[in-house]
Amino acid sequence: MVIKQVSLDMVCGIASHLPDTKKPEVAFAGRSNVGKSSMINVLMNRKSLARTSQKPGKTQTINFYNVNDEMYLVDLPGYGYASTGKDEREKWGQMIEKYLNHSPNLKAVFLLADIRHAPNANDLQMYEWVIASHFQPIIIATKLDKLKRSQVNACLRTLREGFSLPPETPIIPFSAETKAGKEEIWKIIEDICF
């Protein structure tokens, strides 16, 4: 996709009403610090539109990024070990679930997982939420640059088995450093949205 313009159009917090953007949306979910914001920046050809941090839990809202005034990339709050209280994390979970179940424009959900690790309980819960919301998650295996090439296939197999993925579910290895996987992600988004 040729990126002509991008902007952060809307930010929804725990008490916000979900917007009806009237445009196709694809959402990105993943545990805290898995690299969602970095990946969104790469997809949008921007260095820091989506705020990144070494500290887990930077994204605490649902952020709607307008791409070319044609569609939205939606960054969901990270789940898992964010340095917030349990009550706050539960509210984020409710906010994510509400979005997955009630957005009239949501076309696909990408679930990001660190390629170096098997899915944990939080990853599996998010996967089940996405399935329960009638979407088949597309897996993005982040942090590809942290592996040797000889390790990649075994790590992808561990993810596939850990999520018990159907054979047709794509897993896209991705690196924010090298931008590997960027074109594959955009191809899936374009096929789904246009």
N, C-alpha and C. Protein backbone atom coordinates (compact mmCIF):
# COMPACT_ATOMS: atom_id res chain seq x y z
N MET A 1 0.84 -1.18 0.00
CA MET A 1 0.00 0.00 0.00
C MET A 1 0.89 1.24 0.00
N VAL A 2 0.54 2.19 -0.82
CA VAL A 2 1.25 3.47 -0.84
C VAL A 2 0.64 4.36 0.24
N ILE A 3 1.46 4.77 1.21
CA ILE A 3 0.98 5.59 2.32
C ILE A 3 1.13 7.06 1.92
N LYS A 4 -0.01 7.73 1.76
CA LYS A 4 0.04 9.15 1.41
C LYS A 4 -0.12 10.02 2.65
N GLN A 5 -1.00 9.61 3.54
CA GLN A 5 -1.19 10.37 4.77
C GLN A 5 -1.68 9.45 5.88
N VAL A 6 -1.22 9.73 7.08
CA VAL A 6 -1.68 9.00 8.26
C VAL A 6 -1.86 9.99 9.39
N SER A 7 -2.80 9.67 10.27
CA SER A 7 -3.00 10.52 11.44
C SER A 7 -3.66 9.70 12.54
N LEU A 8 -3.38 10.09 13.77
CA LEU A 8 -4.09 9.51 14.91
C LEU A 8 -5.39 10.29 15.03
N ASP A 9 -6.49 9.67 14.60
CA ASP A 9 -7.78 10.37 14.54
C ASP A 9 -8.56 10.34 15.84
N MET A 10 -8.54 9.17 16.51
CA MET A 10 -9.38 9.00 17.69
C MET A 10 -8.66 8.16 18.73
N VAL A 11 -8.91 8.50 19.99
CA VAL A 11 -8.38 7.75 21.12
C VAL A 11 -9.55 7.44 22.04
N CYS A 12 -9.77 6.17 22.32
CA CYS A 12 -10.89 5.76 23.18
C CYS A 12 -10.36 5.17 24.47
N GLY A 13 -10.79 5.73 25.57
CA GLY A 13 -10.43 5.21 26.88
C GLY A 13 -11.51 4.30 27.42
N ILE A 14 -11.35 3.94 28.67
CA ILE A 14 -12.26 2.99 29.31
C ILE A 14 -13.71 3.47 29.28
N ALA A 15 -13.92 4.78 29.45
CA ALA A 15 -15.29 5.30 29.52
C ALA A 15 -15.80 5.81 28.17
N SER A 16 -15.00 5.73 27.12
CA SER A 16 -15.38 6.29 25.83
C SER A 16 -16.39 5.42 25.10
N HIS A 17 -17.18 6.07 24.25
CA HIS A 17 -18.04 5.34 23.31
C HIS A 17 -17.19 4.98 22.10
N LEU A 18 -17.42 3.81 21.55
CA LEU A 18 -16.68 3.41 20.36
C LEU A 18 -17.19 4.20 19.16
N PRO A 19 -16.29 4.72 18.33
CA PRO A 19 -16.73 5.48 17.17
C PRO A 19 -17.18 4.56 16.04
N ASP A 20 -18.04 5.06 15.19
CA ASP A 20 -18.36 4.38 13.93
C ASP A 20 -17.59 5.12 12.86
N THR A 21 -16.45 4.59 12.47
CA THR A 21 -15.56 5.29 11.55
C THR A 21 -16.07 5.29 10.11
N LYS A 22 -17.00 4.39 9.80
CA LYS A 22 -17.54 4.24 8.44
C LYS A 22 -16.49 3.78 7.43
N LYS A 23 -15.35 3.31 7.94
CA LYS A 23 -14.28 2.82 7.07
C LYS A 23 -13.79 1.47 7.60
N PRO A 24 -13.21 0.63 6.73
CA PRO A 24 -12.70 -0.65 7.22
C PRO A 24 -11.64 -0.45 8.31
N GLU A 25 -11.69 -1.33 9.30
CA GLU A 25 -10.72 -1.30 10.40
C GLU A 25 -10.06 -2.67 10.53
N VAL A 26 -8.76 -2.65 10.81
CA VAL A 26 -8.07 -3.87 11.22
C VAL A 26 -7.42 -3.57 12.56
N ALA A 27 -7.55 -4.51 13.48
CA ALA A 27 -7.07 -4.28 14.84
C ALA A 27 -5.84 -5.13 15.11
N PHE A 28 -4.99 -4.60 16.00
CA PHE A 28 -3.76 -5.28 16.41
C PHE A 28 -3.79 -5.46 17.92
N ALA A 29 -3.72 -6.72 18.34
CA ALA A 29 -3.72 -7.05 19.76
C ALA A 29 -2.43 -7.78 20.09
N GLY A 30 -2.01 -7.68 21.34
CA GLY A 30 -0.83 -8.40 21.77
C GLY A 30 -0.46 -8.01 23.19
N ARG A 31 0.34 -8.85 23.81
CA ARG A 31 0.72 -8.55 25.18
C ARG A 31 1.60 -7.30 25.23
N SER A 32 1.71 -6.72 26.40
CA SER A 32 2.54 -5.53 26.60
C SER A 32 3.96 -5.80 26.15
N ASN A 33 4.52 -4.85 25.43
CA ASN A 33 5.91 -4.88 24.95
C ASN A 33 6.19 -5.94 23.87
N VAL A 34 5.15 -6.40 23.19
CA VAL A 34 5.37 -7.37 22.11
C VAL A 34 5.78 -6.66 20.81
N GLY A 35 5.58 -5.33 20.77
CA GLY A 35 6.01 -4.57 19.60
C GLY A 35 4.88 -4.06 18.72
N LYS A 36 3.66 -3.93 19.26
CA LYS A 36 2.53 -3.46 18.45
C LYS A 36 2.75 -2.06 17.91
N SER A 37 3.10 -1.13 18.80
CA SER A 37 3.27 0.26 18.36
C SER A 37 4.42 0.39 17.36
N SER A 38 5.51 -0.32 17.59
CA SER A 38 6.63 -0.30 16.65
C SER A 38 6.21 -0.83 15.29
N MET A 39 5.43 -1.92 15.29
CA MET A 39 4.97 -2.49 14.03
C MET A 39 4.04 -1.54 13.29
N ILE A 40 3.14 -0.88 14.03
CA ILE A 40 2.23 0.07 13.40
C ILE A 40 3.02 1.23 12.80
N ASN A 41 4.04 1.71 13.49
CA ASN A 41 4.89 2.77 12.92
C ASN A 41 5.54 2.31 11.61
N VAL A 42 6.02 1.07 11.59
CA VAL A 42 6.63 0.54 10.35
C VAL A 42 5.59 0.48 9.24
N LEU A 43 4.40 -0.03 9.55
CA LEU A 43 3.35 -0.13 8.52
C LEU A 43 2.98 1.24 7.96
N MET A 44 3.01 2.27 8.81
CA MET A 44 2.62 3.61 8.38
C MET A 44 3.80 4.45 7.87
N ASN A 45 5.00 3.84 7.81
CA ASN A 45 6.20 4.57 7.38
C ASN A 45 6.47 5.80 8.25
N ARG A 46 6.26 5.66 9.54
CA ARG A 46 6.50 6.75 10.48
C ARG A 46 7.41 6.22 11.58
N LYS A 47 8.17 7.14 12.17
CA LYS A 47 9.08 6.72 13.24
C LYS A 47 8.38 6.67 14.60
N SER A 48 7.47 7.61 14.85
CA SER A 48 6.95 7.69 16.21
C SER A 48 5.51 8.20 16.30
N LEU A 49 4.68 7.88 15.32
CA LEU A 49 3.27 8.28 15.43
C LEU A 49 2.61 7.47 16.56
N ALA A 50 2.82 6.15 16.53
CA ALA A 50 2.38 5.31 17.66
C ALA A 50 3.50 5.35 18.69
N ARG A 51 3.16 5.75 19.91
CA ARG A 51 4.19 5.92 20.94
C ARG A 51 4.69 4.57 21.42
N THR A 52 6.01 4.45 21.48
CA THR A 52 6.64 3.22 21.94
C THR A 52 7.37 3.49 23.25
N SER A 53 7.65 2.41 23.97
CA SER A 53 8.34 2.55 25.25
C SER A 53 8.98 1.22 25.61
N GLN A 54 10.07 1.28 26.34
CA GLN A 54 10.66 0.05 26.90
C GLN A 54 9.81 -0.46 28.05
N LYS A 55 9.05 0.45 28.66
CA LYS A 55 8.23 0.08 29.81
C LYS A 55 6.91 -0.50 29.32
N PRO A 56 6.54 -1.69 29.78
CA PRO A 56 5.28 -2.30 29.34
C PRO A 56 4.08 -1.44 29.67
N GLY A 57 3.04 -1.54 28.83
CA GLY A 57 1.77 -0.88 29.12
C GLY A 57 1.67 0.55 28.63
N LYS A 58 2.47 0.94 27.64
CA LYS A 58 2.42 2.32 27.14
C LYS A 58 1.06 2.63 26.50
N THR A 59 0.56 1.70 25.69
CA THR A 59 -0.75 1.91 25.05
C THR A 59 -1.84 1.50 26.02
N GLN A 60 -2.58 2.50 26.52
CA GLN A 60 -3.64 2.24 27.49
C GLN A 60 -5.01 2.61 26.96
N THR A 61 -5.07 2.94 25.68
CA THR A 61 -6.31 3.33 25.05
C THR A 61 -6.42 2.58 23.72
N ILE A 62 -7.59 2.64 23.10
CA ILE A 62 -7.74 2.13 21.74
C ILE A 62 -7.46 3.30 20.81
N ASN A 63 -6.43 3.16 19.99
CA ASN A 63 -5.98 4.26 19.13
C ASN A 63 -6.32 3.95 17.68
N PHE A 64 -7.01 4.88 17.03
CA PHE A 64 -7.46 4.71 15.64
C PHE A 64 -6.58 5.56 14.73
N TYR A 65 -5.79 4.87 13.89
CA TYR A 65 -4.90 5.56 12.95
C TYR A 65 -5.52 5.54 11.56
N ASN A 66 -5.81 6.73 11.05
CA ASN A 66 -6.41 6.88 9.73
C ASN A 66 -5.32 6.77 8.68
N VAL A 67 -5.51 5.87 7.72
CA VAL A 67 -4.53 5.66 6.64
C VAL A 67 -5.18 6.08 5.33
N ASN A 68 -4.63 7.14 4.72
CA ASN A 68 -5.08 7.64 3.41
C ASN A 68 -6.56 8.00 3.37
N ASP A 69 -7.17 8.19 4.53
CA ASP A 69 -8.60 8.46 4.61
C ASP A 69 -9.42 7.34 3.97
N GLU A 70 -8.85 6.11 4.00
CA GLU A 70 -9.50 4.95 3.39
C GLU A 70 -9.80 3.84 4.39
N MET A 71 -9.02 3.81 5.47
CA MET A 71 -9.16 2.72 6.44
C MET A 71 -8.49 3.12 7.75
N TYR A 72 -8.67 2.27 8.77
CA TYR A 72 -8.05 2.52 10.07
C TYR A 72 -7.25 1.30 10.53
N LEU A 73 -6.05 1.58 11.03
CA LEU A 73 -5.30 0.61 11.82
C LEU A 73 -5.62 0.92 13.27
N VAL A 74 -6.05 -0.09 14.02
CA VAL A 74 -6.51 0.12 15.39
C VAL A 74 -5.56 -0.60 16.34
N ASP A 75 -4.91 0.19 17.20
CA ASP A 75 -3.95 -0.31 18.18
C ASP A 75 -4.68 -0.51 19.50
N LEU A 76 -4.80 -1.78 19.91
CA LEU A 76 -5.49 -2.10 21.17
C LEU A 76 -4.48 -2.07 22.32
N PRO A 77 -4.95 -1.80 23.54
CA PRO A 77 -4.03 -1.79 24.69
C PRO A 77 -3.34 -3.14 24.85
N GLY A 78 -2.08 -3.10 25.24
CA GLY A 78 -1.36 -4.34 25.52
C GLY A 78 -1.92 -5.00 26.76
N TYR A 79 -1.87 -6.31 26.79
CA TYR A 79 -2.36 -7.05 27.95
C TYR A 79 -1.20 -7.77 28.61
N GLY A 80 -1.43 -8.27 29.80
CA GLY A 80 -0.41 -9.08 30.46
C GLY A 80 0.22 -8.37 31.62
N TYR A 81 1.52 -8.12 31.53
CA TYR A 81 2.25 -7.69 32.71
C TYR A 81 2.41 -6.18 32.82
N ALA A 82 1.52 -5.42 32.22
CA ALA A 82 1.60 -3.96 32.32
C ALA A 82 1.62 -3.54 33.79
N SER A 83 2.40 -2.50 34.08
CA SER A 83 2.58 -2.08 35.47
C SER A 83 1.41 -1.22 35.94
N THR A 84 0.24 -1.81 35.92
CA THR A 84 -0.96 -1.14 36.43
C THR A 84 -1.66 -2.14 37.35
N GLY A 85 -2.63 -1.64 38.08
CA GLY A 85 -3.36 -2.50 39.00
C GLY A 85 -4.26 -3.48 38.28
N LYS A 86 -4.66 -4.52 39.01
CA LYS A 86 -5.51 -5.56 38.44
C LYS A 86 -6.85 -4.99 37.96
N ASP A 87 -7.44 -4.06 38.73
CA ASP A 87 -8.72 -3.46 38.33
C ASP A 87 -8.60 -2.74 37.00
N GLU A 88 -7.51 -2.00 36.85
CA GLU A 88 -7.28 -1.26 35.60
C GLU A 88 -7.12 -2.22 34.42
N ARG A 89 -6.37 -3.29 34.62
CA ARG A 89 -6.18 -4.28 33.55
C ARG A 89 -7.51 -4.94 33.18
N GLU A 90 -8.35 -5.21 34.17
CA GLU A 90 -9.66 -5.80 33.88
C GLU A 90 -10.51 -4.85 33.06
N LYS A 91 -10.43 -3.56 33.35
CA LYS A 91 -11.19 -2.57 32.57
C LYS A 91 -10.68 -2.52 31.13
N TRP A 92 -9.35 -2.61 30.95
CA TRP A 92 -8.80 -2.66 29.58
C TRP A 92 -9.36 -3.88 28.85
N GLY A 93 -9.39 -5.02 29.56
CA GLY A 93 -9.91 -6.25 28.95
C GLY A 93 -11.35 -6.08 28.50
N GLN A 94 -12.16 -5.43 29.35
CA GLN A 94 -13.56 -5.19 28.99
C GLN A 94 -13.65 -4.25 27.79
N MET A 95 -12.76 -3.25 27.74
CA MET A 95 -12.75 -2.30 26.63
C MET A 95 -12.39 -3.02 25.33
N ILE A 96 -11.38 -3.88 25.37
CA ILE A 96 -10.97 -4.63 24.18
C ILE A 96 -12.10 -5.55 23.72
N GLU A 97 -12.70 -6.26 24.68
CA GLU A 97 -13.78 -7.19 24.35
C GLU A 97 -14.96 -6.44 23.73
N LYS A 98 -15.28 -5.28 24.29
CA LYS A 98 -16.38 -4.46 23.74
C LYS A 98 -16.07 -4.06 22.30
N TYR A 99 -14.84 -3.65 22.05
CA TYR A 99 -14.47 -3.26 20.68
C TYR A 99 -14.59 -4.46 19.74
N LEU A 100 -14.03 -5.62 20.13
CA LEU A 100 -14.06 -6.79 19.26
C LEU A 100 -15.49 -7.23 18.94
N ASN A 101 -16.38 -7.09 19.91
CA ASN A 101 -17.76 -7.56 19.73
C ASN A 101 -18.69 -6.55 19.08
N HIS A 102 -18.33 -5.26 19.12
CA HIS A 102 -19.32 -4.25 18.71
C HIS A 102 -18.87 -3.27 17.64
N SER A 103 -17.64 -3.34 17.18
CA SER A 103 -17.25 -2.43 16.11
C SER A 103 -17.89 -2.88 14.80
N PRO A 104 -18.69 -2.01 14.17
CA PRO A 104 -19.36 -2.42 12.92
C PRO A 104 -18.40 -2.48 11.73
N ASN A 105 -17.20 -1.93 11.89
CA ASN A 105 -16.29 -1.82 10.74
C ASN A 105 -15.07 -2.72 10.84
N LEU A 106 -14.96 -3.49 11.92
CA LEU A 106 -13.79 -4.34 12.12
C LEU A 106 -13.81 -5.49 11.12
N LYS A 107 -12.74 -5.60 10.34
CA LYS A 107 -12.64 -6.63 9.29
C LYS A 107 -11.71 -7.77 9.66
N ALA A 108 -10.70 -7.50 10.48
CA ALA A 108 -9.73 -8.54 10.83
C ALA A 108 -9.00 -8.16 12.11
N VAL A 109 -8.52 -9.18 12.80
CA VAL A 109 -7.73 -8.98 14.02
C VAL A 109 -6.40 -9.70 13.84
N PHE A 110 -5.33 -8.93 14.00
CA PHE A 110 -3.98 -9.48 14.00
C PHE A 110 -3.56 -9.64 15.45
N LEU A 111 -3.07 -10.81 15.80
CA LEU A 111 -2.61 -11.08 17.15
C LEU A 111 -1.10 -11.21 17.10
N LEU A 112 -0.42 -10.33 17.82
CA LEU A 112 1.04 -10.33 17.83
C LEU A 112 1.55 -11.19 18.97
N ALA A 113 2.56 -11.99 18.66
CA ALA A 113 3.20 -12.84 19.67
C ALA A 113 4.70 -12.80 19.43
N ASP A 114 5.47 -12.79 20.49
CA ASP A 114 6.92 -12.80 20.40
C ASP A 114 7.37 -14.15 19.84
N ILE A 115 8.06 -14.12 18.72
CA ILE A 115 8.46 -15.35 18.03
C ILE A 115 9.35 -16.24 18.90
N ARG A 116 9.99 -15.67 19.92
CA ARG A 116 10.95 -16.42 20.74
C ARG A 116 10.29 -17.26 21.83
N HIS A 117 8.99 -17.05 22.06
CA HIS A 117 8.34 -17.70 23.20
C HIS A 117 7.02 -18.36 22.79
N ALA A 118 6.72 -19.46 23.44
CA ALA A 118 5.41 -20.10 23.26
C ALA A 118 4.34 -19.16 23.82
N PRO A 119 3.13 -19.22 23.29
CA PRO A 119 2.06 -18.37 23.83
C PRO A 119 1.84 -18.63 25.31
N ASN A 120 1.63 -17.54 26.08
CA ASN A 120 1.34 -17.72 27.50
C ASN A 120 -0.18 -17.70 27.72
N ALA A 121 -0.61 -17.78 28.96
CA ALA A 121 -2.05 -17.85 29.26
C ALA A 121 -2.79 -16.62 28.76
N ASN A 122 -2.16 -15.43 28.87
CA ASN A 122 -2.81 -14.21 28.38
C ASN A 122 -2.97 -14.23 26.86
N ASP A 123 -1.95 -14.73 26.15
CA ASP A 123 -2.04 -14.84 24.68
C ASP A 123 -3.19 -15.78 24.30
N LEU A 124 -3.26 -16.90 24.99
CA LEU A 124 -4.31 -17.88 24.68
C LEU A 124 -5.69 -17.32 24.98
N GLN A 125 -5.81 -16.54 26.07
CA GLN A 125 -7.10 -15.93 26.39
C GLN A 125 -7.49 -14.93 25.31
N MET A 126 -6.54 -14.11 24.84
CA MET A 126 -6.85 -13.16 23.79
C MET A 126 -7.24 -13.89 22.51
N TYR A 127 -6.53 -14.95 22.19
CA TYR A 127 -6.87 -15.74 21.01
C TYR A 127 -8.32 -16.23 21.11
N GLU A 128 -8.70 -16.74 22.29
CA GLU A 128 -10.07 -17.23 22.49
C GLU A 128 -11.09 -16.10 22.37
N TRP A 129 -10.76 -14.91 22.90
CA TRP A 129 -11.66 -13.75 22.78
C TRP A 129 -11.90 -13.41 21.31
N VAL A 130 -10.81 -13.42 20.54
CA VAL A 130 -10.93 -13.07 19.12
C VAL A 130 -11.81 -14.10 18.41
N ILE A 131 -11.58 -15.39 18.68
CA ILE A 131 -12.40 -16.45 18.09
C ILE A 131 -13.86 -16.28 18.51
N ALA A 132 -14.09 -15.99 19.79
CA ALA A 132 -15.46 -15.82 20.30
C ALA A 132 -16.14 -14.61 19.66
N SER A 133 -15.35 -13.67 19.16
CA SER A 133 -15.90 -12.49 18.49
C SER A 133 -16.07 -12.73 16.99
N HIS A 134 -15.93 -13.99 16.57
CA HIS A 134 -16.16 -14.42 15.18
C HIS A 134 -15.11 -13.94 14.20
N PHE A 135 -13.86 -13.85 14.67
CA PHE A 135 -12.74 -13.56 13.79
C PHE A 135 -11.73 -14.69 13.92
N GLN A 136 -11.05 -14.99 12.83
CA GLN A 136 -9.93 -15.94 12.89
C GLN A 136 -8.67 -15.09 12.95
N PRO A 137 -7.98 -15.05 14.10
CA PRO A 137 -6.83 -14.16 14.22
C PRO A 137 -5.73 -14.51 13.22
N ILE A 138 -5.07 -13.48 12.73
CA ILE A 138 -3.89 -13.64 11.89
C ILE A 138 -2.70 -13.38 12.82
N ILE A 139 -1.79 -14.31 12.90
CA ILE A 139 -0.69 -14.21 13.87
C ILE A 139 0.50 -13.49 13.24
N ILE A 140 1.01 -12.51 13.95
CA ILE A 140 2.26 -11.84 13.57
C ILE A 140 3.29 -12.20 14.63
N ALA A 141 4.35 -12.86 14.19
CA ALA A 141 5.42 -13.29 15.09
C ALA A 141 6.49 -12.20 15.11
N THR A 142 6.49 -11.38 16.15
CA THR A 142 7.37 -10.21 16.23
C THR A 142 8.77 -10.59 16.70
N LYS A 143 9.65 -9.60 16.58
CA LYS A 143 11.04 -9.70 17.07
C LYS A 143 11.85 -10.76 16.32
N LEU A 144 11.54 -10.91 15.03
CA LEU A 144 12.25 -11.86 14.18
C LEU A 144 13.75 -11.62 14.18
N ASP A 145 14.16 -10.36 14.26
CA ASP A 145 15.59 -10.02 14.21
C ASP A 145 16.37 -10.54 15.42
N LYS A 146 15.67 -10.99 16.46
CA LYS A 146 16.35 -11.51 17.66
C LYS A 146 16.76 -12.98 17.51
N LEU A 147 16.34 -13.61 16.41
CA LEU A 147 16.64 -15.02 16.19
C LEU A 147 17.70 -15.19 15.11
N LYS A 148 18.40 -16.32 15.17
CA LYS A 148 19.23 -16.75 14.05
C LYS A 148 18.28 -17.36 13.02
N ARG A 149 18.67 -17.29 11.77
CA ARG A 149 17.82 -17.83 10.70
C ARG A 149 17.49 -19.31 10.94
N SER A 150 18.43 -20.05 11.48
CA SER A 150 18.24 -21.48 11.70
C SER A 150 17.19 -21.77 12.79
N GLN A 151 16.85 -20.77 13.60
CA GLN A 151 15.88 -20.97 14.70
C GLN A 151 14.44 -20.67 14.29
N VAL A 152 14.26 -19.98 13.17
CA VAL A 152 12.94 -19.42 12.83
C VAL A 152 11.87 -20.50 12.69
N ASN A 153 12.11 -21.55 11.89
CA ASN A 153 11.06 -22.54 11.64
C ASN A 153 10.62 -23.24 12.92
N ALA A 154 11.55 -23.57 13.78
CA ALA A 154 11.19 -24.24 15.05
C ALA A 154 10.35 -23.31 15.92
N CYS A 155 10.69 -22.03 15.96
CA CYS A 155 9.93 -21.07 16.77
C CYS A 155 8.52 -20.86 16.19
N LEU A 156 8.41 -20.82 14.87
CA LEU A 156 7.09 -20.69 14.25
C LEU A 156 6.23 -21.93 14.54
N ARG A 157 6.85 -23.10 14.52
CA ARG A 157 6.14 -24.33 14.84
C ARG A 157 5.65 -24.30 16.29
N THR A 158 6.49 -23.80 17.20
CA THR A 158 6.09 -23.69 18.62
C THR A 158 4.88 -22.77 18.77
N LEU A 159 4.87 -21.65 18.05
CA LEU A 159 3.71 -20.75 18.10
C LEU A 159 2.47 -21.44 17.54
N ARG A 160 2.60 -22.06 16.38
CA ARG A 160 1.45 -22.72 15.74
C ARG A 160 0.86 -23.79 16.67
N GLU A 161 1.73 -24.59 17.27
CA GLU A 161 1.26 -25.65 18.18
C GLU A 161 0.71 -25.06 19.48
N GLY A 162 1.35 -23.99 19.99
CA GLY A 162 0.91 -23.37 21.23
C GLY A 162 -0.49 -22.79 21.14
N PHE A 163 -0.80 -22.19 19.98
CA PHE A 163 -2.14 -21.63 19.76
C PHE A 163 -3.11 -22.68 19.22
N SER A 164 -2.62 -23.87 18.88
CA SER A 164 -3.43 -24.91 18.20
C SER A 164 -4.09 -24.33 16.95
N LEU A 165 -3.28 -23.70 16.12
CA LEU A 165 -3.81 -23.00 14.94
C LEU A 165 -4.26 -23.98 13.86
N PRO A 166 -5.38 -23.66 13.21
CA PRO A 166 -5.74 -24.42 12.02
C PRO A 166 -4.64 -24.24 10.96
N PRO A 167 -4.45 -25.23 10.10
CA PRO A 167 -3.36 -25.16 9.12
C PRO A 167 -3.42 -23.93 8.21
N GLU A 168 -4.62 -23.42 7.94
CA GLU A 168 -4.75 -22.29 7.01
C GLU A 168 -4.45 -20.93 7.66
N THR A 169 -4.29 -20.90 8.99
CA THR A 169 -4.02 -19.63 9.67
C THR A 169 -2.60 -19.16 9.35
N PRO A 170 -2.50 -17.94 8.77
CA PRO A 170 -1.15 -17.45 8.47
C PRO A 170 -0.41 -17.02 9.74
N ILE A 171 0.90 -17.27 9.74
CA ILE A 171 1.80 -16.69 10.75
C ILE A 171 2.83 -15.89 9.96
N ILE A 172 2.91 -14.61 10.25
CA ILE A 172 3.83 -13.74 9.52
C ILE A 172 5.00 -13.36 10.43
N PRO A 173 6.21 -13.84 10.14
CA PRO A 173 7.37 -13.39 10.90
C PRO A 173 7.62 -11.91 10.59
N PHE A 174 7.88 -11.12 11.65
CA PHE A 174 7.99 -9.67 11.47
C PHE A 174 9.14 -9.11 12.32
N SER A 175 9.82 -8.13 11.76
CA SER A 175 10.84 -7.39 12.50
C SER A 175 10.65 -5.90 12.27
N ALA A 176 10.52 -5.15 13.34
CA ALA A 176 10.46 -3.68 13.23
C ALA A 176 11.82 -3.12 12.82
N GLU A 177 12.88 -3.86 13.14
CA GLU A 177 14.24 -3.41 12.80
C GLU A 177 14.50 -3.51 11.30
N THR A 178 14.22 -4.68 10.73
CA THR A 178 14.54 -4.92 9.32
C THR A 178 13.35 -4.70 8.39
N LYS A 179 12.16 -4.55 8.99
CA LYS A 179 10.90 -4.40 8.26
C LYS A 179 10.48 -5.67 7.52
N ALA A 180 11.11 -6.80 7.85
CA ALA A 180 10.69 -8.09 7.29
C ALA A 180 9.24 -8.36 7.70
N GLY A 181 8.43 -8.77 6.75
CA GLY A 181 7.02 -9.07 7.01
C GLY A 181 6.08 -7.93 6.69
N LYS A 182 6.58 -6.73 6.53
CA LYS A 182 5.73 -5.55 6.29
C LYS A 182 4.85 -5.74 5.05
N GLU A 183 5.45 -6.15 3.94
CA GLU A 183 4.69 -6.30 2.69
C GLU A 183 3.63 -7.38 2.81
N GLU A 184 3.96 -8.47 3.49
CA GLU A 184 2.99 -9.55 3.67
C GLU A 184 1.79 -9.09 4.49
N ILE A 185 2.05 -8.30 5.54
CA ILE A 185 0.95 -7.79 6.37
C ILE A 185 0.06 -6.89 5.53
N TRP A 186 0.66 -5.97 4.78
CA TRP A 186 -0.15 -5.06 3.95
C TRP A 186 -0.95 -5.82 2.90
N LYS A 187 -0.37 -6.87 2.33
CA LYS A 187 -1.12 -7.63 1.32
C LYS A 187 -2.38 -8.24 1.94
N ILE A 188 -2.25 -8.80 3.14
CA ILE A 188 -3.42 -9.37 3.81
C ILE A 188 -4.44 -8.28 4.11
N ILE A 189 -3.97 -7.14 4.62
CA ILE A 189 -4.89 -6.03 4.93
C ILE A 189 -5.63 -5.58 3.68
N GLU A 190 -4.90 -5.39 2.59
CA GLU A 190 -5.55 -4.93 1.36
C GLU A 190 -6.55 -5.96 0.82
N ASP A 191 -6.18 -7.25 0.89
CA ASP A 191 -7.10 -8.29 0.42
C ASP A 191 -8.39 -8.30 1.24
N ILE A 192 -8.28 -8.03 2.53
CA ILE A 192 -9.44 -8.06 3.41
C ILE A 192 -10.30 -6.79 3.26
N CYS A 193 -9.65 -5.65 3.11
CA CYS A 193 -10.36 -4.36 3.21
C CYS A 193 -10.81 -3.79 1.87
N PHE A 194 -10.15 -4.18 0.78
CA PHE A 194 -10.46 -3.51 -0.50
C PHE A 194 -10.82 -4.49 -1.59
